[in-house]
N, C-alpha and C. Protein backbone atom coordinates (compact mmCIF):
# COMPACT_ATOMS: atom_id res chain seq x y z
N UNK A 1 3.15 16.40 -5.74
CA UNK A 1 4.46 15.61 -5.48
C UNK A 1 5.11 14.86 -6.58
N UNK A 2 6.20 15.05 -6.34
CA UNK A 2 6.72 14.09 -7.37
C UNK A 2 6.91 12.68 -7.22
N UNK A 3 6.47 11.87 -7.98
CA UNK A 3 6.25 10.50 -7.73
C UNK A 3 7.79 9.60 -7.58
N UNK A 4 7.85 8.88 -6.62
CA UNK A 4 9.00 8.09 -6.45
C UNK A 4 9.06 7.37 -7.63
N UNK A 5 10.36 6.70 -7.58
CA UNK A 5 10.44 5.80 -9.30
C UNK A 5 10.01 4.27 -8.75
N UNK A 6 8.94 4.09 -8.20
CA UNK A 6 8.23 3.08 -7.91
C UNK A 6 7.46 2.37 -9.07
N UNK A 7 8.02 1.07 -9.13
CA UNK A 7 7.15 0.24 -10.23
C UNK A 7 6.11 -0.54 -9.68
N UNK A 8 4.82 -0.35 -9.96
CA UNK A 8 3.56 -1.16 -9.68
C UNK A 8 3.39 -2.12 -10.49
N UNK A 9 3.47 -3.53 -10.16
CA UNK A 9 3.19 -4.36 -11.03
C UNK A 9 1.48 -4.46 -11.48
N UNK A 10 1.41 -5.38 -12.40
CA UNK A 10 0.07 -5.55 -12.91
C UNK A 10 -1.05 -6.34 -11.89
N UNK A 11 -0.46 -7.05 -10.96
CA UNK A 11 -1.25 -7.82 -10.13
C UNK A 11 -1.48 -6.81 -8.89
N UNK A 12 -0.47 -5.79 -8.53
CA UNK A 12 -0.75 -5.05 -7.56
C UNK A 12 -1.86 -3.83 -7.90
N UNK A 13 -1.82 -3.55 -9.29
CA UNK A 13 -2.52 -2.67 -9.94
C UNK A 13 -3.93 -2.99 -9.94
N UNK A 14 -4.05 -4.45 -10.25
CA UNK A 14 -5.51 -5.16 -10.29
C UNK A 14 -6.05 -5.19 -9.03
N UNK A 15 -5.07 -5.34 -7.96
CA UNK A 15 -5.77 -5.41 -6.48
C UNK A 15 -6.25 -4.15 -5.99
N UNK A 16 -5.25 -3.30 -6.31
CA UNK A 16 -5.87 -1.53 -5.91
C UNK A 16 -6.97 -1.50 -6.54
N UNK A 17 -7.19 -1.60 -7.74
CA UNK A 17 -8.34 -1.08 -8.64
C UNK A 17 -9.54 -2.15 -7.90
N UNK A 18 -9.43 -3.31 -7.75
CA UNK A 18 -10.43 -4.11 -6.77
C UNK A 18 -10.86 -3.76 -5.76
N UNK A 19 -10.13 -3.24 -4.78
CA UNK A 19 -10.38 -2.84 -3.61
C UNK A 19 -11.13 -1.52 -3.70
N UNK A 20 -10.31 -0.61 -4.43
CA UNK A 20 -11.02 0.76 -4.59
C UNK A 20 -12.41 0.72 -5.00
N UNK A 21 -12.65 -0.19 -5.83
CA UNK A 21 -14.05 -0.30 -6.51
C UNK A 21 -15.26 -0.66 -5.59
N UNK A 22 -14.70 -1.19 -4.12
CA UNK A 22 -15.57 -1.80 -3.30
C UNK A 22 -15.72 -0.48 -2.18
N UNK A 23 -15.19 0.60 -2.37
CA UNK A 23 -15.39 1.41 -1.40
C UNK A 23 -16.16 2.65 -1.82
N UNK A 24 -17.51 2.48 -1.77
CA UNK A 24 -18.57 3.45 -1.99
C UNK A 24 -19.08 4.68 -1.10
N UNK A 25 -18.22 4.94 -0.40
CA UNK A 25 -18.40 6.09 0.61
C UNK A 25 -17.63 7.34 -0.09
N UNK A 26 -16.95 7.27 -0.71
CA UNK A 26 -15.83 8.17 -1.18
C UNK A 26 -15.14 7.74 -2.44
N UNK A 27 -14.59 8.83 -3.17
CA UNK A 27 -13.45 8.77 -4.24
C UNK A 27 -12.41 8.07 -3.75
N UNK A 28 -11.82 7.24 -3.75
CA UNK A 28 -10.85 6.73 -2.91
C UNK A 28 -9.30 7.17 -3.55
N UNK A 29 -8.36 7.34 -2.85
CA UNK A 29 -7.04 7.46 -3.40
C UNK A 29 -6.35 6.66 -2.63
N UNK A 30 -5.18 5.68 -3.27
CA UNK A 30 -4.42 4.84 -2.42
C UNK A 30 -3.37 5.66 -1.56
N UNK A 31 -3.10 4.82 -0.44
CA UNK A 31 -2.17 5.30 0.32
C UNK A 31 -0.91 4.44 0.55
N UNK A 32 0.15 4.63 0.37
CA UNK A 32 1.31 3.75 0.81
C UNK A 32 1.94 4.19 1.86
N UNK A 33 1.70 3.38 2.95
CA UNK A 33 2.07 3.62 4.11
C UNK A 33 3.41 3.07 5.01
N UNK A 34 4.22 3.79 5.63
CA UNK A 34 5.18 2.81 6.23
C UNK A 34 4.79 2.47 7.69
N UNK A 35 4.78 1.25 7.77
CA UNK A 35 3.94 1.28 9.20
C UNK A 35 5.08 0.30 10.35
N UNK A 36 5.34 0.53 11.42
CA UNK A 36 6.29 0.17 12.10
C UNK A 36 5.90 -1.37 12.68
N UNK A 37 4.65 -1.87 12.55
CA UNK A 37 4.28 -2.91 12.98
C UNK A 37 3.01 -3.30 12.97
N UNK A 38 2.32 -4.56 12.80
CA UNK A 38 1.07 -4.84 12.70
C UNK A 38 0.79 -6.15 13.04
N UNK A 39 -0.28 -6.54 13.39
CA UNK A 39 -0.66 -8.20 13.77
C UNK A 39 -2.32 -8.13 13.40
N UNK A 40 -2.51 -9.18 13.02
CA UNK A 40 -3.85 -9.80 12.87
C UNK A 40 -3.99 -11.20 13.36
N UNK A 41 -5.18 -11.58 13.59
CA UNK A 41 -5.39 -12.81 13.83
C UNK A 41 -6.82 -13.50 13.49
N UNK A 42 -6.91 -14.90 13.54
CA UNK A 42 -8.16 -15.55 12.99
C UNK A 42 -8.34 -16.61 13.98
N UNK A 43 -9.60 -17.12 14.16
CA UNK A 43 -9.95 -18.40 15.05
C UNK A 43 -9.84 -19.49 14.14
N UNK A 44 -9.10 -20.53 14.19
CA UNK A 44 -9.15 -21.65 13.34
C UNK A 44 -10.55 -22.51 13.69
N UNK A 45 -10.46 -23.51 12.64
CA UNK A 45 -11.82 -24.55 13.23
C UNK A 45 -11.81 -25.11 14.65
N UNK A 46 -10.41 -25.48 14.96
CA UNK A 46 -10.31 -26.14 16.26
C UNK A 46 -10.44 -25.30 17.39
N UNK A 47 -10.66 -24.12 17.22
CA UNK A 47 -10.68 -23.10 18.51
C UNK A 47 -9.44 -22.50 18.85
N UNK A 48 -8.42 -22.89 18.23
CA UNK A 48 -7.13 -22.16 18.50
C UNK A 48 -6.99 -20.58 17.71
N UNK A 49 -6.25 -19.78 18.32
CA UNK A 49 -5.70 -18.54 17.49
C UNK A 49 -4.84 -18.56 16.63
N UNK A 50 -4.72 -18.11 15.36
CA UNK A 50 -3.69 -18.04 14.51
C UNK A 50 -3.38 -16.64 14.62
N UNK A 51 -2.35 -16.26 15.01
CA UNK A 51 -1.65 -14.84 15.26
C UNK A 51 -0.53 -14.68 14.20
N UNK A 52 -0.90 -13.37 13.40
CA UNK A 52 0.40 -13.28 12.42
C UNK A 52 0.96 -11.78 12.90
N UNK A 53 2.09 -11.79 13.18
CA UNK A 53 2.77 -10.42 13.62
C UNK A 53 3.95 -9.92 12.38
N UNK A 54 3.63 -8.86 11.97
CA UNK A 54 4.51 -8.35 10.95
C UNK A 54 5.43 -7.07 11.59
N UNK A 55 6.73 -7.08 11.41
CA UNK A 55 7.57 -6.08 11.83
C UNK A 55 7.26 -4.86 10.98
N UNK A 56 8.27 -3.88 10.83
CA UNK A 56 8.32 -2.68 9.79
C UNK A 56 7.95 -3.06 8.38
N UNK A 57 7.17 -2.47 7.81
CA UNK A 57 6.79 -2.70 6.48
C UNK A 57 6.01 -1.71 5.59
N UNK A 58 5.94 -1.84 4.63
CA UNK A 58 4.99 -0.66 3.62
C UNK A 58 3.72 -1.48 3.50
N UNK A 59 2.60 -0.66 3.71
CA UNK A 59 1.18 -1.34 3.44
C UNK A 59 0.31 -0.40 2.79
N UNK A 60 -0.63 -1.07 1.94
CA UNK A 60 -1.72 -0.07 1.09
C UNK A 60 -2.76 -0.14 1.92
N UNK A 61 -3.41 1.17 1.88
CA UNK A 61 -4.63 1.61 2.26
C UNK A 61 -5.39 2.53 1.40
N UNK A 62 -6.38 3.10 1.89
CA UNK A 62 -7.09 4.09 1.02
C UNK A 62 -7.79 5.26 1.84
N UNK A 63 -8.04 6.30 1.29
CA UNK A 63 -8.36 7.45 2.13
C UNK A 63 -9.16 8.22 0.97
N UNK A 64 -10.17 9.08 1.49
CA UNK A 64 -10.79 9.88 0.62
C UNK A 64 -10.15 11.01 -0.27
N UNK A 65 -10.16 10.80 -1.58
CA UNK A 65 -9.12 11.88 -2.29
C UNK A 65 -9.79 13.45 -1.97
N UNK A 66 -10.76 13.57 -1.53
CA UNK A 66 -11.45 14.89 -1.24
C UNK A 66 -10.59 15.60 -0.12
N UNK A 67 -9.94 14.58 0.77
CA UNK A 67 -9.26 15.14 1.82
C UNK A 67 -7.84 15.35 1.72
N UNK A 68 -7.42 14.80 0.39
CA UNK A 68 -5.83 14.87 0.58
C UNK A 68 -5.81 15.96 -0.76
N UNK A 69 -4.90 16.97 -0.46
CA UNK A 69 -4.41 18.06 -1.40
C UNK A 69 -3.89 17.64 -2.72
N UNK A 70 -4.31 18.14 -3.82
CA UNK A 70 -3.89 17.41 -5.27
C UNK A 70 -2.34 17.68 -5.24
N UNK A 71 -1.58 18.59 -4.60
CA UNK A 71 -0.30 18.58 -4.49
C UNK A 71 0.62 17.79 -3.66
N UNK A 72 -0.30 16.89 -3.08
CA UNK A 72 0.21 15.75 -2.16
C UNK A 72 0.04 14.48 -2.68
N UNK A 73 -0.46 14.35 -3.77
CA UNK A 73 -0.66 13.05 -4.82
C UNK A 73 0.22 12.85 -5.77
N UNK A 74 0.21 11.65 -6.55
CA UNK A 74 1.03 11.61 -8.00
C UNK A 74 0.34 10.46 -8.30
N UNK A 75 0.75 9.95 -9.53
CA UNK A 75 -0.05 9.02 -10.36
C UNK A 75 1.06 7.92 -10.74
N UNK A 76 0.83 6.74 -10.32
CA UNK A 76 1.78 5.45 -10.74
C UNK A 76 0.92 4.59 -11.22
N UNK A 77 1.16 4.02 -12.47
CA UNK A 77 0.41 2.98 -13.23
C UNK A 77 -1.10 3.36 -13.35
N UNK A 78 -1.38 4.59 -13.42
CA UNK A 78 -2.93 5.04 -13.65
C UNK A 78 -3.71 5.08 -12.77
N UNK A 79 -3.17 4.71 -11.34
CA UNK A 79 -3.64 5.24 -10.01
C UNK A 79 -3.10 6.44 -9.24
N UNK A 80 -4.20 7.12 -8.58
CA UNK A 80 -3.62 8.19 -7.60
C UNK A 80 -3.03 7.76 -6.34
N UNK A 81 -2.00 7.97 -5.94
CA UNK A 81 -1.46 7.68 -4.70
C UNK A 81 -0.93 8.94 -3.84
N UNK A 82 -0.84 8.92 -2.46
CA UNK A 82 -0.08 9.49 -1.58
C UNK A 82 0.55 8.55 -0.52
N UNK A 83 1.41 9.31 -0.02
CA UNK A 83 2.35 8.46 0.95
C UNK A 83 2.17 8.98 2.32
N UNK A 84 2.30 7.77 3.24
CA UNK A 84 2.28 8.21 4.47
C UNK A 84 3.54 7.81 5.18
N UNK A 85 4.52 8.59 5.10
CA UNK A 85 5.84 8.03 5.71
C UNK A 85 6.94 9.07 6.07
N UNK A 86 7.72 8.89 7.02
CA UNK A 86 8.73 10.12 7.12
C UNK A 86 9.40 10.35 6.04
N UNK A 87 9.90 11.49 5.73
CA UNK A 87 10.85 11.95 4.48
C UNK A 87 11.98 10.89 4.42
N UNK A 88 12.31 10.76 5.59
CA UNK A 88 13.80 9.94 5.60
C UNK A 88 13.51 8.69 4.85
N UNK A 89 12.19 8.02 4.95
CA UNK A 89 11.98 6.59 4.39
C UNK A 89 11.45 6.60 3.13
N UNK A 90 11.28 7.75 2.38
CA UNK A 90 10.85 7.87 1.12
C UNK A 90 11.87 7.16 0.05
N UNK A 91 13.10 7.48 0.32
CA UNK A 91 14.18 7.11 -0.64
C UNK A 91 14.07 5.26 -0.93
N UNK A 92 13.59 5.15 0.20
CA UNK A 92 13.35 3.36 -0.06
C UNK A 92 12.56 2.93 -1.32
N UNK A 93 11.79 3.85 -1.73
CA UNK A 93 10.81 3.22 -2.78
C UNK A 93 11.55 3.60 -4.19
N UNK A 94 12.79 4.26 -4.37
CA UNK A 94 13.36 4.53 -5.43
C UNK A 94 13.64 3.32 -5.92
N UNK A 95 12.99 3.02 -7.31
CA UNK A 95 13.60 1.55 -7.83
C UNK A 95 13.10 0.54 -7.38
N UNK A 96 12.29 0.71 -6.30
CA UNK A 96 11.78 -0.57 -5.86
C UNK A 96 10.36 -1.14 -6.42
N UNK A 97 9.61 -1.91 -6.13
CA UNK A 97 8.47 -2.56 -6.87
C UNK A 97 7.53 -2.66 -5.80
N UNK A 98 6.10 -2.22 -6.20
CA UNK A 98 4.97 -2.74 -5.24
C UNK A 98 4.13 -3.83 -5.93
N UNK A 99 4.25 -5.09 -5.35
CA UNK A 99 3.52 -6.18 -5.94
C UNK A 99 2.53 -6.75 -4.95
N UNK A 100 1.80 -7.49 -5.69
CA UNK A 100 0.60 -8.08 -4.67
C UNK A 100 0.87 -9.75 -4.95
N UNK A 101 1.22 -10.29 -3.97
CA UNK A 101 1.57 -11.87 -3.78
C UNK A 101 0.99 -12.52 -2.85
N UNK A 102 0.26 -13.35 -3.01
CA UNK A 102 -0.54 -14.36 -2.09
C UNK A 102 -1.35 -13.50 -1.22
N UNK A 103 -2.19 -12.52 -1.67
CA UNK A 103 -3.00 -12.01 -1.14
C UNK A 103 -2.50 -10.82 -0.42
N UNK A 104 -1.51 -10.33 -0.38
CA UNK A 104 -0.88 -9.23 0.33
C UNK A 104 -0.17 -8.31 -0.77
N UNK A 105 0.18 -7.40 -0.07
CA UNK A 105 0.76 -6.19 -1.10
C UNK A 105 2.35 -6.32 -0.30
N UNK A 106 3.36 -6.36 -1.18
CA UNK A 106 4.86 -5.95 -0.68
C UNK A 106 5.55 -5.17 -1.50
N UNK A 107 6.47 -4.42 -0.78
CA UNK A 107 7.29 -3.55 -1.60
C UNK A 107 8.62 -4.43 -1.49
N UNK A 108 9.10 -4.52 -2.78
CA UNK A 108 10.48 -5.28 -2.91
C UNK A 108 11.42 -4.38 -3.17
N UNK A 109 12.36 -4.08 -2.65
CA UNK A 109 13.56 -3.38 -2.90
C UNK A 109 14.27 -3.89 -4.05
N UNK A 110 15.04 -2.93 -4.77
CA UNK A 110 15.77 -3.14 -6.01
C UNK A 110 16.87 -4.15 -5.68
N UNK A 111 17.37 -4.74 -6.38
CA UNK A 111 18.62 -5.66 -6.49
C UNK A 111 19.58 -4.63 -6.38
N UNK A 112 20.60 -4.97 -5.48
CA UNK A 112 22.05 -3.61 -5.60
C UNK A 112 22.86 -4.64 -6.33
């Protein structure tokens, strides 16, 4: 696969390597996915729920490299990646930056 012109910051590289090092079941590969929406919640000390809802966004996850054909991977900043997104979305990564800010991965589009 031809790698998109996506810059991966040092903070994102460090976070991905840290997360990958905690996966013992397989040799992981990073997956950058387009997600239509997601949410997560937590219980606060006062018993209330704190729910966070995100709309469409890019998200980093991991998969066993043994299950991904080599021709569907590329290397960015020394990390093997594959992508889970409709082909029409992949151009959004051209010139973008994958960063790790405040405990979350973010894809920031290039300035126009």
